[in-house]
Amino acid sequence: MNSKLTLPRLSVLARLCVGAVFMVSLLAGSAALEAKPKKKWKSDYTSKFGVMSPGPGGKFRVYAETTYIYRNVDQEYVHGFEVARKDQQRFMGYFEIRFPEPITVTPELEKAYTVMEGGKFIRSTADIHWEVYSSPFWFSEDDPLGTYELTIYIDGEHYRTIKYEVVPFESGLTF
């Protein structure tokens, strides 16, 4: 057999292969280490979604958690979310909402949000919040019924996605 791979060459080749495997495992390990803190940071916050009322400092707070929301146009009926940072430090937050069908785009809506996909998707501005980030929502008569999807971002990272059902309001309901 006439092979050009001599024992010293095989030894060098084996060392190169072991080195390459070591580098790949090192890179994979460092990527795994980077991914672990991302899960931990979410535990630095608590969040709720549901029916809201004004709380201390004029911020709306969730008092009844639910993903079943009545399309009630009464300005007293408010739904939305709150995110609280456990160490009470500041953080940046914004949200996106995807509607089951396009909503009516008004100048006020365009001033307050980035409106995309012809009114089927909106994004809030990113703002800094101290301790609690809450956002109340009210309905208009022509807002669609169906499944809404709210995605909350904290410090530029996806924090939580909430799907909720908006159903007709029955005026005979008593609370």
Protein backbone atom coordinates (compact mmCIF):
# COMPACT_ATOMS: atom_id res chain seq x y z
CA MET A 1 0.00 0.00 0.00
CA ASN A 2 1.40 3.33 -1.01
CA SER A 3 -0.04 5.95 1.42
CA LYS A 4 1.19 9.48 1.85
CA LEU A 5 -0.10 9.59 5.43
CA THR A 6 2.78 8.69 7.66
CA LEU A 7 2.49 8.26 11.41
CA PRO A 8 3.65 11.84 12.18
CA ARG A 9 1.17 13.22 9.64
CA LEU A 10 -1.66 11.13 11.14
CA SER A 11 -0.73 12.43 14.57
CA VAL A 12 -0.94 16.06 13.38
CA LEU A 13 -4.23 15.36 11.62
CA ALA A 14 -5.66 13.74 14.75
CA ARG A 15 -4.60 16.73 16.87
CA LEU A 16 -6.23 19.13 14.40
CA CYS A 17 -9.47 17.13 14.51
CA VAL A 18 -9.47 17.06 18.32
CA GLY A 19 -8.76 20.81 18.35
CA ALA A 20 -11.63 21.48 15.94
CA VAL A 21 -14.03 19.37 18.02
CA PHE A 22 -12.86 21.23 21.14
CA MET A 23 -13.46 24.63 19.50
CA VAL A 24 -16.94 23.64 18.28
CA SER A 25 -17.90 22.37 21.75
CA LEU A 26 -16.47 25.52 23.34
CA LEU A 27 -18.52 27.74 21.01
CA ALA A 28 -21.64 25.67 21.59
CA GLY A 29 -21.06 25.81 25.33
CA SER A 30 -20.64 29.58 25.35
CA ALA A 31 -23.84 29.98 23.31
CA ALA A 32 -25.65 27.83 25.87
CA LEU A 33 -24.24 29.97 28.68
CA GLU A 34 -25.47 33.12 26.96
CA ALA A 35 -28.96 31.65 26.58
CA LYS A 36 -29.38 30.78 30.27
CA PRO A 37 -29.43 34.34 31.65
CA LYS A 38 -32.19 35.29 29.19
CA LYS A 39 -34.53 32.85 30.92
CA LYS A 40 -33.50 34.15 34.32
CA TRP A 41 -34.18 37.80 33.50
CA LYS A 42 -37.85 37.02 32.92
CA SER A 43 -38.13 35.92 36.55
CA ASP A 44 -37.11 39.46 37.58
CA TYR A 45 -40.61 40.57 36.53
CA THR A 46 -44.22 39.66 37.22
CA SER A 47 -47.11 40.34 34.87
CA LYS A 48 -50.88 40.22 34.70
CA PHE A 49 -53.47 40.66 31.96
CA GLY A 50 -57.18 41.28 32.38
CA VAL A 51 -59.68 43.85 33.61
CA MET A 52 -58.13 47.03 35.02
CA SER A 53 -58.94 50.00 37.24
CA PRO A 54 -56.98 53.11 38.22
CA GLY A 55 -54.42 52.45 40.93
CA PRO A 56 -51.94 54.47 42.99
CA GLY A 57 -50.26 57.28 41.10
CA GLY A 58 -52.91 57.16 38.37
CA LYS A 59 -51.46 53.97 36.84
CA PHE A 60 -54.02 51.39 35.81
CA ARG A 61 -53.62 48.02 37.53
CA VAL A 62 -55.11 44.60 36.72
CA TYR A 63 -57.63 43.55 39.37
CA ALA A 64 -59.14 40.52 37.61
CA GLU A 65 -56.96 38.29 35.44
CA THR A 66 -58.76 36.89 32.40
CA THR A 67 -58.27 36.30 28.69
CA TYR A 68 -62.02 36.57 28.02
CA ILE A 69 -62.74 40.27 27.42
CA TYR A 70 -66.13 41.86 26.69
CA ARG A 71 -66.26 44.49 23.94
CA ASN A 72 -67.84 47.08 26.21
CA VAL A 73 -67.45 50.66 24.91
CA ASP A 74 -68.14 52.19 28.34
CA GLN A 75 -64.99 54.16 29.26
CA GLU A 76 -65.24 52.67 32.78
CA TYR A 77 -64.57 49.20 31.35
CA VAL A 78 -60.82 48.93 30.82
CA HIS A 79 -58.66 45.94 30.03
CA GLY A 80 -54.93 45.64 29.55
CA PHE A 81 -51.69 44.50 31.14
CA GLU A 82 -49.17 45.36 33.80
CA VAL A 83 -45.55 44.30 34.16
CA ALA A 84 -43.77 44.92 37.46
CA ARG A 85 -40.04 44.70 38.04
CA LYS A 86 -39.38 43.01 41.39
CA ASP A 87 -36.35 45.15 42.29
CA GLN A 88 -38.34 48.33 41.44
CA GLN A 89 -35.69 49.54 38.98
CA ARG A 90 -36.36 51.21 35.67
CA PHE A 91 -36.76 49.30 32.42
CA MET A 92 -37.84 49.93 28.86
CA GLY A 93 -41.04 48.45 27.49
CA TYR A 94 -43.27 48.46 24.46
CA PHE A 95 -46.01 46.23 23.07
CA GLU A 96 -47.59 45.06 19.83
CA ILE A 97 -51.18 44.03 19.20
CA ARG A 98 -52.40 41.92 16.30
CA PHE A 99 -56.15 42.18 15.68
CA PRO A 100 -58.36 39.49 14.13
CA GLU A 101 -59.20 41.97 11.34
CA PRO A 102 -58.20 45.58 10.61
CA ILE A 103 -59.39 48.28 12.99
CA THR A 104 -60.43 51.78 11.98
CA VAL A 105 -57.28 53.89 11.64
CA THR A 106 -57.84 57.40 13.00
CA PRO A 107 -55.37 60.30 13.19
CA GLU A 108 -55.29 59.82 16.99
CA LEU A 109 -54.39 56.15 16.56
CA GLU A 110 -51.62 57.00 14.09
CA LYS A 111 -50.29 59.63 16.47
CA ALA A 112 -50.16 57.22 19.42
CA TYR A 113 -48.95 54.03 17.65
CA THR A 114 -47.13 52.72 14.63
CA VAL A 115 -49.97 51.28 12.55
CA MET A 116 -49.10 48.46 10.14
CA GLU A 117 -50.83 46.06 7.79
CA GLY A 118 -53.70 48.47 7.15
CA GLY A 119 -54.76 48.56 10.81
CA LYS A 120 -54.40 44.86 11.60
CA PHE A 121 -51.26 45.40 13.70
CA ILE A 122 -50.05 48.23 15.97
CA ARG A 123 -46.84 48.89 17.92
CA SER A 124 -46.42 51.29 20.83
CA THR A 125 -43.36 53.44 21.37
CA ALA A 126 -40.59 52.17 23.65
CA ASP A 127 -40.67 54.09 26.91
CA ILE A 128 -38.80 53.88 30.20
CA HIS A 129 -40.86 52.78 33.21
CA TRP A 130 -40.10 52.71 36.92
CA GLU A 131 -41.21 49.59 38.76
CA VAL A 132 -44.56 49.12 36.91
CA TYR A 133 -45.42 49.30 33.22
CA SER A 134 -49.15 49.22 32.60
CA SER A 135 -51.22 49.89 29.54
CA PRO A 136 -55.01 50.19 29.59
CA PHE A 137 -57.18 49.67 26.49
CA TRP A 138 -60.71 50.83 25.69
CA PHE A 139 -63.01 49.62 22.93
CA SER A 140 -64.75 51.47 20.12
CA GLU A 141 -68.07 50.30 18.62
CA ASP A 142 -66.37 49.04 15.46
CA ASP A 143 -63.49 47.12 17.08
CA PRO A 144 -63.54 43.52 15.85
CA LEU A 145 -64.56 40.49 17.85
CA GLY A 146 -62.28 37.46 17.91
CA THR A 147 -58.79 36.49 19.00
CA TYR A 148 -56.32 39.29 19.71
CA GLU A 149 -52.60 38.75 20.28
CA LEU A 150 -50.64 41.05 22.59
CA THR A 151 -46.83 40.77 22.67
CA ILE A 152 -44.87 42.60 25.37
CA TYR A 153 -41.18 43.49 25.00
CA ILE A 154 -38.92 44.39 27.92
CA ASP A 155 -35.53 46.01 27.24
CA GLY A 156 -35.84 45.05 23.57
CA GLU A 157 -36.39 41.33 24.31
CA HIS A 158 -39.61 39.34 23.90
CA TYR A 159 -41.14 39.01 27.37
CA ARG A 160 -44.61 37.51 26.96
CA THR A 161 -47.34 36.89 24.37
CA ILE A 162 -50.99 36.79 25.45
CA LYS A 163 -53.85 35.63 23.25
CA TYR A 164 -57.25 36.79 24.37
CA GLU A 165 -60.82 36.54 23.11
CA VAL A 166 -62.92 39.66 22.61
CA VAL A 167 -66.61 38.72 22.79
CA PRO A 168 -69.86 40.72 22.50
CA PHE A 169 -70.94 42.63 25.58
CA GLU A 170 -74.34 41.62 26.89
CA SER A 171 -75.92 44.68 28.53
CA GLY A 172 -77.92 42.51 30.94
CA LEU A 173 -74.74 41.43 32.75
CA THR A 174 -74.53 42.38 36.40
CA PHE A 175 -71.39 42.61 38.42
